[in-house]
Amino acid sequence: MKTTLWDSADHLKTTEDILAYLEASVEEAGNDPAFILQALGVVARANNMSQLSRDTGITREGLYKALSADGNPSFATVAKVTKALGLKLAVVQA
């Protein structure tokens, strides 16, 4: 039996896919912001990291590092990334 590694980025083809993935990630994350950042990184990879780098003014390497499970990006970086992805952050009542 031959297997391949699962990469969620390969399956995020539409805006609806991306929104559902991010909503599920936020729900699953609980109090773990690194989980959410990693999910945002998956969405970024699914959307052409090179273009995202140009749109945000952040190097590709910087984006990969910031949006990894070990990353610690500033809020400004997260805001730039979400805007460049055509998304916006929102606060709703729990």
Protein backbone atom coordinates (compact mmCIF):
# COMPACT_ATOMS: atom_id res chain seq x y z
CA MET A 1 0.00 0.00 0.00
CA LYS A 2 1.36 3.40 -0.97
CA THR A 3 0.25 6.45 1.00
CA THR A 4 0.84 10.18 0.68
CA LEU A 5 0.88 12.92 3.28
CA TRP A 6 -2.40 14.80 3.71
CA ASP A 7 -2.15 18.52 3.04
CA SER A 8 -5.30 20.51 3.74
CA ALA A 9 -4.07 23.27 1.40
CA ASP A 10 -4.62 20.92 -1.55
CA HIS A 11 -8.33 20.82 -0.79
CA LEU A 12 -9.07 24.51 -0.28
CA LYS A 13 -10.28 25.39 -3.76
CA THR A 14 -13.14 27.84 -3.17
CA THR A 15 -13.89 30.73 -0.87
CA GLU A 16 -16.53 28.57 0.80
CA ASP A 17 -13.92 25.85 1.45
CA ILE A 18 -11.57 28.39 3.01
CA LEU A 19 -14.22 29.96 5.21
CA ALA A 20 -15.45 26.58 6.43
CA TYR A 21 -11.87 25.49 7.15
CA LEU A 22 -11.07 28.65 9.11
CA GLU A 23 -14.35 28.53 11.06
CA ALA A 24 -13.73 24.90 12.00
CA SER A 25 -10.13 25.73 12.97
CA VAL A 26 -11.18 28.59 15.23
CA GLU A 27 -13.77 26.35 16.89
CA GLU A 28 -11.29 23.50 17.32
CA ALA A 29 -8.48 25.76 18.56
CA GLY A 30 -10.08 26.62 21.87
CA ASN A 31 -7.48 28.78 23.63
CA ASP A 32 -4.62 27.88 21.28
CA PRO A 33 -3.80 30.84 18.99
CA ALA A 34 -0.97 28.84 17.36
CA PHE A 35 -3.58 26.44 15.97
CA ILE A 36 -5.41 29.34 14.31
CA LEU A 37 -2.18 30.79 12.93
CA GLN A 38 -1.24 27.43 11.47
CA ALA A 39 -4.67 27.22 9.81
CA LEU A 40 -4.17 30.70 8.36
CA GLY A 41 -0.82 29.47 7.05
CA VAL A 42 -2.55 26.55 5.32
CA VAL A 43 -4.96 28.99 3.68
CA ALA A 44 -2.02 31.18 2.64
CA ARG A 45 -0.27 28.20 1.01
CA ALA A 46 -3.48 27.31 -0.81
CA ASN A 47 -3.62 30.86 -2.21
CA ASN A 48 -0.11 31.30 -3.68
CA MET A 49 2.38 32.33 -1.03
CA SER A 50 4.47 34.31 -3.55
CA GLN A 51 1.53 36.54 -4.45
CA LEU A 52 0.65 36.92 -0.79
CA SER A 53 4.22 38.01 -0.13
CA ARG A 54 3.94 40.71 -2.79
CA ASP A 55 0.54 41.85 -1.52
CA THR A 56 1.63 42.12 2.12
CA GLY A 57 5.21 43.30 1.65
CA ILE A 58 6.40 40.41 3.83
CA THR A 59 8.95 37.92 2.50
CA ARG A 60 7.78 34.40 1.70
CA GLU A 61 10.13 33.06 4.35
CA GLY A 62 8.77 35.55 6.86
CA LEU A 63 5.21 34.47 6.06
CA TYR A 64 6.03 30.78 6.41
CA LYS A 65 7.70 31.44 9.75
CA ALA A 66 4.99 33.77 11.09
CA LEU A 67 2.15 31.45 10.09
CA SER A 68 3.68 28.25 11.41
CA ALA A 69 2.69 26.55 14.65
CA ASP A 70 5.83 28.04 16.23
CA GLY A 71 5.32 31.50 14.74
CA ASN A 72 4.58 34.56 16.82
CA PRO A 73 3.43 37.22 14.35
CA SER A 74 2.31 40.67 15.31
CA PHE A 75 -1.34 41.56 15.01
CA ALA A 76 -0.35 43.84 12.12
CA THR A 77 1.03 40.83 10.24
CA VAL A 78 -2.15 38.82 10.81
CA ALA A 79 -4.24 41.81 9.67
CA LYS A 80 -2.14 42.23 6.50
CA VAL A 81 -2.41 38.55 5.66
CA THR A 82 -6.16 38.34 6.19
CA LYS A 83 -6.72 41.49 4.12
CA ALA A 84 -4.49 40.21 1.30
CA LEU A 85 -6.48 36.94 1.33
CA GLY A 86 -9.70 38.90 0.90
CA LEU A 87 -10.82 38.15 4.45
CA LYS A 88 -11.54 40.35 7.44
CA LEU A 89 -11.30 39.71 11.13
CA ALA A 90 -14.52 40.10 13.09
CA VAL A 91 -15.56 40.02 16.72
CA VAL A 92 -18.85 38.39 17.62
CA GLN A 93 -20.54 37.73 20.92
CA ALA A 94 -19.69 34.31 22.34
